[in-house]
Amino acid sequence: MRILGIETSCDETAAAIVEDGQRLLSSVVASSMDLHVKYGGIVPEVAARAQIEAIIPVIDQAISRSKLDWPSLDGIAVTYGAGLGGSLLVGVLAARTLAIVKNKALYAVNHVEGHVYANFITESAASKSYNLPAKQPRFLMLALIVSGGHTQLVLFKNHFKYELLGQTHDDAIGEAFDKVAKVIGLPYPGGPSIAKAAVAGNPNFLSLPKAKLQAKYDFSFSGLKTAVLREVQSLCGKSYDFPSFKLAELLNEAQRADIAASFQRVAVEMVVDKTFTAYQQFNPKSVVIAGGVAANLELRQQLSARLPLPIEYTDPKLCTDNGAMVAALGCFKAMQKQSVANSYSLDIAPNLSM
């Protein structure tokens, strides 16, 4: 079963081909991140325009690198939500058109669910540079999904049978990384910037609070983000009404590193604490992490230290948005005889949730 996966939910334009839900045959990603850095965040219109230009070349490259042709493919999987409306539209319209012209089955993929299925890829013919798990996860499977738009704990009982245990009430963890990075003068995106700065910092420099919520598997990062802001204002000798965008210029590099390390430690502890609690309650056979923040080394180290079972993490390149995760999930949809989308009417769902 060979599926072409197309992913255009945010700023990346990605396509990949996966065989039988586990073997990566090709993966191509074109990012417009450089166009957004100067704005400190993704500009939806800029992202969509770049994707219109990149979508066909990226798909062509993915097929070419796989050494396959269209007759060799069994279907097309595409992200139809959640994400930016204009960006999703580019991918969905391209996939619908190709499905009609090439007479291929079309599978609609939930972006967040797709991130989880990156962990099912265990082989690569595309490149030897991928560091992949030795075996696929087993069910019962606990998934921690952490990205710029999502923070969720999900219990998978089987393919396509899962229970959402908890999610964030406000900011996603990746969004909190971005906002803290902006306050202390680190470049966008905040996740990699804070992780890099934190290497030289003291993770116990600041005493920061953890949110306490009534639902034990829900998350909240707004309080942590505000606590960091207040600590920075105090460190700079400024009052609460001092403009936050002027604080960064009052910090030195050592202070930035210490603040980054302290914030990263606590933010990661918050998601690891709840993952550990869920592990104790449900005793899953495997635990996976998914989403862009899953590439964070501190998260991987803390989780491995807390959980009693060994965790096989996927390659960081498959944690950020990519076509391989979409193709892998598409393979399982095809192999599990899931419903095929209508190539003439599949619509986008920007606010799609699990």
Protein backbone atom coordinates (compact mmCIF):
# COMPACT_ATOMS: atom_id res chain seq x y z
CA MET A 1 0.00 0.00 0.00
CA ARG A 2 1.69 3.18 -1.22
CA ILE A 3 0.17 6.53 -0.34
CA LEU A 4 1.15 10.07 -1.32
CA GLY A 5 0.70 12.45 1.62
CA ILE A 6 0.18 16.20 1.19
CA GLU A 7 0.52 18.63 4.12
CA THR A 8 -0.13 22.39 3.90
CA SER A 9 -1.74 23.30 7.23
CA CYS A 10 0.63 26.13 8.18
CA ASP A 11 3.79 27.50 6.55
CA GLU A 12 5.25 24.26 5.17
CA THR A 13 4.43 22.78 1.80
CA ALA A 14 5.16 19.07 2.14
CA ALA A 15 4.67 15.83 0.26
CA ALA A 16 5.88 12.31 0.94
CA ILE A 17 5.25 8.72 -0.06
CA VAL A 18 4.93 5.98 2.58
CA GLU A 19 4.53 2.26 2.01
CA ASP A 20 2.36 0.09 4.28
CA GLY A 21 2.28 2.75 6.98
CA GLN A 22 5.90 2.19 8.01
CA ARG A 23 8.39 2.59 5.15
CA LEU A 24 9.28 6.11 4.05
CA LEU A 25 10.04 6.22 0.33
CA SER A 26 10.42 9.98 -0.08
CA SER A 27 9.82 13.22 1.77
CA VAL A 28 10.03 16.80 0.52
CA VAL A 29 9.37 19.90 2.60
CA ALA A 30 9.43 23.50 1.39
CA SER A 31 9.12 26.04 4.21
CA SER A 32 8.29 29.74 3.98
CA MET A 33 9.56 30.32 7.54
CA ASP A 34 12.18 32.83 6.39
CA LEU A 35 9.37 35.05 5.09
CA HIS A 36 7.66 35.11 8.51
CA VAL A 37 10.62 35.60 10.85
CA LYS A 38 10.61 39.39 10.53
CA TYR A 39 6.95 39.46 11.62
CA GLY A 40 7.53 37.27 14.69
CA GLY A 41 4.88 34.79 13.59
CA ILE A 42 3.09 33.19 10.65
CA VAL A 43 1.30 35.57 8.29
CA PRO A 44 -1.49 33.42 6.76
CA GLU A 45 -1.70 35.24 3.41
CA VAL A 46 2.07 35.07 2.91
CA ALA A 47 2.09 31.36 3.75
CA ALA A 48 -0.72 30.53 1.31
CA ARG A 49 0.87 32.46 -1.56
CA ALA A 50 4.15 30.62 -1.07
CA GLN A 51 2.31 27.29 -0.99
CA ILE A 52 0.53 28.00 -4.26
CA GLU A 53 3.93 28.35 -5.92
CA ALA A 54 5.50 25.33 -4.21
CA ILE A 55 2.76 22.68 -4.14
CA ILE A 56 3.17 21.11 -7.60
CA PRO A 57 7.02 21.13 -7.60
CA VAL A 58 7.05 19.57 -4.11
CA ILE A 59 4.65 16.78 -5.16
CA ASP A 60 6.65 16.14 -8.33
CA GLN A 61 9.88 15.90 -6.32
CA ALA A 62 8.32 13.48 -3.83
CA ILE A 63 7.25 11.14 -6.62
CA SER A 64 10.56 11.46 -8.44
CA ARG A 65 12.63 10.74 -5.33
CA SER A 66 10.54 7.68 -4.52
CA LYS A 67 11.47 6.23 -7.93
CA LEU A 68 7.80 5.47 -8.46
CA ASP A 69 5.22 6.73 -10.92
CA TRP A 70 1.54 7.58 -10.59
CA PRO A 71 0.28 4.09 -11.55
CA SER A 72 2.33 2.69 -8.63
CA LEU A 73 0.45 4.78 -6.05
CA ASP A 74 -2.68 3.45 -4.32
CA GLY A 75 -4.07 6.75 -3.09
CA ILE A 76 -3.60 10.30 -1.89
CA ALA A 77 -3.91 11.52 1.70
CA VAL A 78 -4.25 15.21 2.47
CA THR A 79 -4.55 17.34 5.59
CA TYR A 80 -7.97 18.99 5.56
CA GLY A 81 -7.82 20.38 9.11
CA ALA A 82 -6.90 21.80 11.53
CA GLY A 83 -4.86 24.72 10.27
CA LEU A 84 -4.87 28.01 8.40
CA GLY A 85 -7.80 28.19 5.99
CA GLY A 86 -5.91 29.50 2.97
CA SER A 87 -3.08 27.04 3.44
CA LEU A 88 -5.38 24.05 3.87
CA LEU A 89 -7.24 25.07 0.73
CA VAL A 90 -4.06 24.89 -1.36
CA GLY A 91 -3.34 21.30 -0.32
CA VAL A 92 -6.92 20.05 -0.46
CA LEU A 93 -7.61 21.50 -3.91
CA ALA A 94 -4.34 20.07 -5.25
CA ALA A 95 -5.14 16.64 -3.77
CA ARG A 96 -8.72 16.65 -5.06
CA THR A 97 -7.61 17.59 -8.55
CA LEU A 98 -4.90 14.93 -8.66
CA ALA A 99 -7.25 12.29 -7.25
CA ILE A 100 -9.72 13.00 -10.07
CA VAL A 101 -7.16 13.28 -12.87
CA LYS A 102 -5.11 10.26 -11.75
CA ASN A 103 -8.13 8.22 -10.61
CA LYS A 104 -6.85 7.69 -7.06
CA ALA A 105 -8.63 7.17 -3.76
CA LEU A 106 -8.58 10.28 -1.56
CA TYR A 107 -8.18 10.14 2.23
CA ALA A 108 -8.89 13.15 4.46
CA VAL A 109 -6.43 13.42 7.35
CA ASN A 110 -6.67 15.20 10.69
CA HIS A 111 -3.42 17.15 11.07
CA VAL A 112 -3.10 16.49 14.80
CA GLU A 113 -3.78 12.78 14.41
CA GLY A 114 -1.22 12.73 11.61
CA HIS A 115 1.51 13.91 13.98
CA VAL A 116 0.93 10.82 16.10
CA TYR A 117 1.35 8.55 13.09
CA ALA A 118 4.83 9.86 12.37
CA ASN A 119 5.82 7.47 15.17
CA PHE A 120 4.69 4.48 13.07
CA ILE A 121 7.41 5.06 10.45
CA THR A 122 10.22 2.61 11.22
CA GLU A 123 12.09 2.31 7.91
CA SER A 124 13.42 4.78 5.37
CA ALA A 125 14.46 4.35 1.78
CA ALA A 126 14.42 8.13 1.41
CA SER A 127 17.52 8.92 3.44
CA LYS A 128 19.88 7.22 5.88
CA SER A 129 19.89 10.39 7.99
CA TYR A 130 16.59 9.53 9.70
CA ASN A 131 16.81 8.15 13.23
CA LEU A 132 13.65 6.06 13.47
CA PRO A 133 12.07 3.73 16.05
CA ALA A 134 12.97 0.05 15.71
CA LYS A 135 9.33 -1.01 15.91
CA GLN A 136 5.88 0.53 15.69
CA PRO A 137 4.03 1.55 18.86
CA ARG A 138 1.62 -0.94 20.40
CA PHE A 139 -1.88 -0.38 21.70
CA LEU A 140 -2.92 0.62 24.33
CA MET A 141 -0.94 3.74 23.35
CA LEU A 142 -0.66 7.03 25.22
CA ALA A 143 0.12 10.02 22.99
CA LEU A 144 1.34 13.40 24.20
CA ILE A 145 0.73 15.92 21.40
CA VAL A 146 2.72 19.14 21.79
CA SER A 147 3.01 21.81 19.12
CA GLY A 148 2.49 25.49 18.41
CA GLY A 149 -1.25 24.98 18.18
CA HIS A 150 -2.00 21.94 20.33
CA THR A 151 -1.27 20.42 23.72
CA GLN A 152 -3.24 17.22 24.25
CA LEU A 153 -3.09 13.85 25.96
CA VAL A 154 -4.81 11.14 23.95
CA LEU A 155 -5.31 7.46 24.76
CA PHE A 156 -5.37 5.30 21.61
CA LYS A 157 -7.16 1.98 22.08
CA ASN A 158 -6.55 1.03 18.46
CA HIS A 159 -6.27 2.70 15.08
CA PHE A 160 -9.00 5.36 14.86
CA LYS A 161 -10.33 4.48 18.31
CA TYR A 162 -9.10 6.97 20.85
CA GLU A 163 -10.13 9.06 23.86
CA LEU A 164 -9.08 12.67 24.41
CA LEU A 165 -7.97 12.76 28.05
CA GLY A 166 -7.13 16.45 28.25
CA GLN A 167 -6.03 19.53 26.38
CA THR A 168 -4.92 23.11 26.94
CA HIS A 169 -7.38 25.72 28.17
CA ASP A 170 -5.45 28.59 26.59
CA ASP A 171 -2.01 28.71 24.95
CA ALA A 172 -0.47 25.61 23.46
CA ILE A 173 3.00 24.84 24.79
CA GLY A 174 4.64 25.85 21.50
CA GLU A 175 2.78 29.16 21.54
CA ALA A 176 4.04 29.79 25.09
CA PHE A 177 7.60 29.14 23.88
CA ASP A 178 7.11 31.71 21.10
CA LYS A 179 5.75 34.37 23.45
CA VAL A 180 8.42 33.93 26.11
CA ALA A 181 11.12 34.01 23.44
CA LYS A 182 9.75 37.34 22.20
CA VAL A 183 9.78 38.83 25.72
CA ILE A 184 13.44 37.95 26.30
CA GLY A 185 14.62 38.87 22.80
CA LEU A 186 15.13 35.47 21.19
CA PRO A 187 14.19 34.95 17.52
CA TYR A 188 11.07 33.25 16.19
CA PRO A 189 10.27 30.36 16.29
CA GLY A 190 10.64 30.30 20.03
CA GLY A 191 10.99 26.55 20.60
CA PRO A 192 14.38 26.06 18.97
CA SER A 193 15.59 29.49 20.17
CA ILE A 194 14.79 28.81 23.81
CA ALA A 195 16.20 25.28 23.64
CA LYS A 196 19.46 26.64 22.24
CA ALA A 197 19.76 29.44 24.79
CA ALA A 198 18.82 27.14 27.67
CA VAL A 199 21.93 25.00 27.16
CA ALA A 200 24.04 27.72 28.79
CA GLY A 201 21.46 28.64 31.44
CA ASN A 202 20.55 27.67 34.99
CA PRO A 203 17.19 25.81 34.93
CA ASN A 204 16.63 26.70 38.60
CA PHE A 205 17.29 30.42 38.17
CA LEU A 206 13.59 31.26 38.47
CA SER A 207 10.92 29.69 40.67
CA LEU A 208 7.92 29.50 38.37
CA PRO A 209 4.38 28.24 39.07
CA LYS A 210 2.59 25.28 37.53
CA ALA A 211 -1.10 25.57 36.71
CA LYS A 212 -3.47 23.57 38.91
CA LEU A 213 -6.66 22.64 37.07
CA GLN A 214 -9.75 20.76 38.17
CA ALA A 215 -9.47 18.33 35.24
CA LYS A 216 -6.26 16.45 35.97
CA TYR A 217 -5.25 15.96 32.34
CA ASP A 218 -5.92 19.50 31.12
CA PHE A 219 -3.20 22.09 30.60
CA SER A 220 -2.77 25.85 30.96
CA PHE A 221 0.30 27.88 30.04
CA SER A 222 -1.01 31.45 30.29
CA GLY A 223 -0.12 31.72 33.98
CA LEU A 224 3.41 30.43 33.40
CA LYS A 225 3.89 32.86 30.53
CA THR A 226 2.70 35.79 32.70
CA ALA A 227 4.91 34.66 35.59
CA VAL A 228 7.95 34.79 33.30
CA LEU A 229 6.97 38.30 32.20
CA ARG A 230 6.67 39.46 35.82
CA GLU A 231 10.03 37.92 36.71
CA VAL A 232 11.70 39.65 33.77
CA GLN A 233 10.11 42.99 34.74
CA SER A 234 11.39 42.54 38.29
CA LEU A 235 14.84 41.51 37.08
CA CYS A 236 15.01 44.66 34.95
CA GLY A 237 13.76 46.86 37.80
CA LYS A 238 10.60 47.81 35.93
CA SER A 239 6.96 47.97 37.00
CA TYR A 240 4.06 45.95 35.56
CA ASP A 241 3.09 48.75 33.18
CA PHE A 242 6.51 48.83 31.48
CA PRO A 243 6.10 47.78 27.79
CA SER A 244 7.02 44.11 27.42
CA PHE A 245 8.60 44.66 24.00
CA LYS A 246 11.22 46.93 25.57
CA LEU A 247 12.40 44.42 28.19
CA ALA A 248 14.64 42.38 25.90
CA GLU A 249 17.12 45.20 25.37
CA LEU A 250 17.66 45.41 29.16
CA LEU A 251 18.75 41.76 29.45
CA ASN A 252 22.24 40.37 28.94
CA GLU A 253 22.98 37.00 27.33
CA ALA A 254 23.49 35.21 30.65
CA GLN A 255 20.12 36.40 31.92
CA ARG A 256 18.42 35.32 28.70
CA ALA A 257 19.95 31.86 29.04
CA ASP A 258 18.86 31.51 32.66
CA ILE A 259 15.31 32.64 31.94
CA ALA A 260 15.08 30.35 28.92
CA ALA A 261 16.35 27.36 30.90
CA SER A 262 13.98 28.02 33.82
CA PHE A 263 10.94 28.43 31.58
CA GLN A 264 11.77 25.37 29.49
CA ARG A 265 12.25 23.20 32.57
CA VAL A 266 8.89 24.12 34.10
CA ALA A 267 6.92 24.06 30.83
CA VAL A 268 8.25 20.58 30.08
CA GLU A 269 7.65 19.40 33.65
CA MET A 270 4.00 20.43 33.31
CA VAL A 271 3.37 18.10 30.37
CA VAL A 272 5.59 15.32 31.70
CA ASP A 273 3.82 15.36 35.09
CA LYS A 274 0.44 14.75 33.47
CA THR A 275 1.81 12.16 31.07
CA PHE A 276 3.26 10.27 34.03
CA THR A 277 -0.07 10.46 35.88
CA ALA A 278 -1.88 9.09 32.81
CA TYR A 279 0.69 6.33 32.48
CA GLN A 280 0.08 5.26 36.08
CA GLN A 281 -3.69 5.21 35.58
CA PHE A 282 -3.92 3.47 32.20
CA ASN A 283 -0.70 1.41 32.06
CA PRO A 284 -0.30 1.70 28.26
CA LYS A 285 1.95 -0.62 26.27
CA SER A 286 3.61 2.32 24.55
CA VAL A 287 3.97 6.08 24.91
CA VAL A 288 4.66 8.46 22.02
CA ILE A 289 5.13 12.19 21.70
CA ALA A 290 4.04 14.08 18.61
CA GLY A 291 4.15 17.60 17.17
CA GLY A 292 6.89 20.19 16.73
CA VAL A 293 7.74 20.42 20.44
CA ALA A 294 8.33 16.64 20.45
CA ALA A 295 11.75 17.45 18.98
CA ASN A 296 12.71 19.24 22.22
CA LEU A 297 15.60 17.41 23.89
CA GLU A 298 14.60 18.48 27.41
CA LEU A 299 11.15 16.94 26.91
CA ARG A 300 12.65 13.68 25.67
CA GLN A 301 15.09 13.51 28.56
CA GLN A 302 12.52 14.28 31.25
CA LEU A 303 9.99 11.82 29.84
CA SER A 304 12.54 9.01 29.56
CA ALA A 305 13.65 9.65 33.13
CA ARG A 306 10.11 9.59 34.56
CA LEU A 307 8.49 6.68 32.73
CA PRO A 308 9.44 3.07 33.54
CA LEU A 309 9.08 1.82 29.97
CA PRO A 310 11.56 2.60 27.17
CA ILE A 311 10.38 5.20 24.66
CA GLU A 312 11.48 5.19 21.04
CA TYR A 313 11.32 8.73 19.70
CA THR A 314 10.94 9.48 16.03
CA ASP A 315 13.40 11.63 14.14
CA PRO A 316 13.08 15.37 14.91
CA LYS A 317 12.58 15.99 11.19
CA LEU A 318 9.32 14.04 11.41
CA CYS A 319 8.09 16.00 14.45
CA THR A 320 7.55 19.25 12.58
CA ASP A 321 4.92 19.43 9.83
CA ASN A 322 5.68 16.99 7.01
CA GLY A 323 3.99 14.87 4.37
CA ALA A 324 5.26 11.57 5.77
CA MET A 325 2.97 11.68 8.80
CA VAL A 326 -0.01 12.35 6.52
CA ALA A 327 0.97 9.54 4.17
CA ALA A 328 1.49 7.10 7.07
CA LEU A 329 -1.95 7.83 8.46
CA GLY A 330 -3.37 7.58 4.94
CA CYS A 331 -1.89 4.11 4.63
CA PHE A 332 -3.65 2.96 7.78
CA LYS A 333 -6.91 4.50 6.58
CA ALA A 334 -6.59 2.50 3.37
CA MET A 335 -5.49 -0.73 5.06
CA GLN A 336 -8.22 -0.46 7.71
CA LYS A 337 -10.85 0.18 5.02
CA GLN A 338 -11.72 3.62 6.33
CA SER A 339 -14.10 5.76 4.30
CA VAL A 340 -12.77 7.44 1.17
CA ALA A 341 -13.29 11.19 0.79
CA ASN A 342 -15.25 12.64 -2.10
CA SER A 343 -12.74 14.09 -4.55
CA TYR A 344 -15.34 16.53 -5.85
CA SER A 345 -16.54 17.93 -2.53
CA LEU A 346 -13.96 17.48 0.27
CA ASP A 347 -13.86 20.77 2.16
CA ILE A 348 -11.36 22.22 4.59
CA ALA A 349 -12.00 22.27 8.37
CA PRO A 350 -9.68 24.90 9.92
CA ASN A 351 -11.04 24.32 13.43
CA LEU A 352 -11.03 20.51 13.28
CA SER A 353 -10.29 18.83 16.61
CA MET A 354 -9.61 15.27 17.69
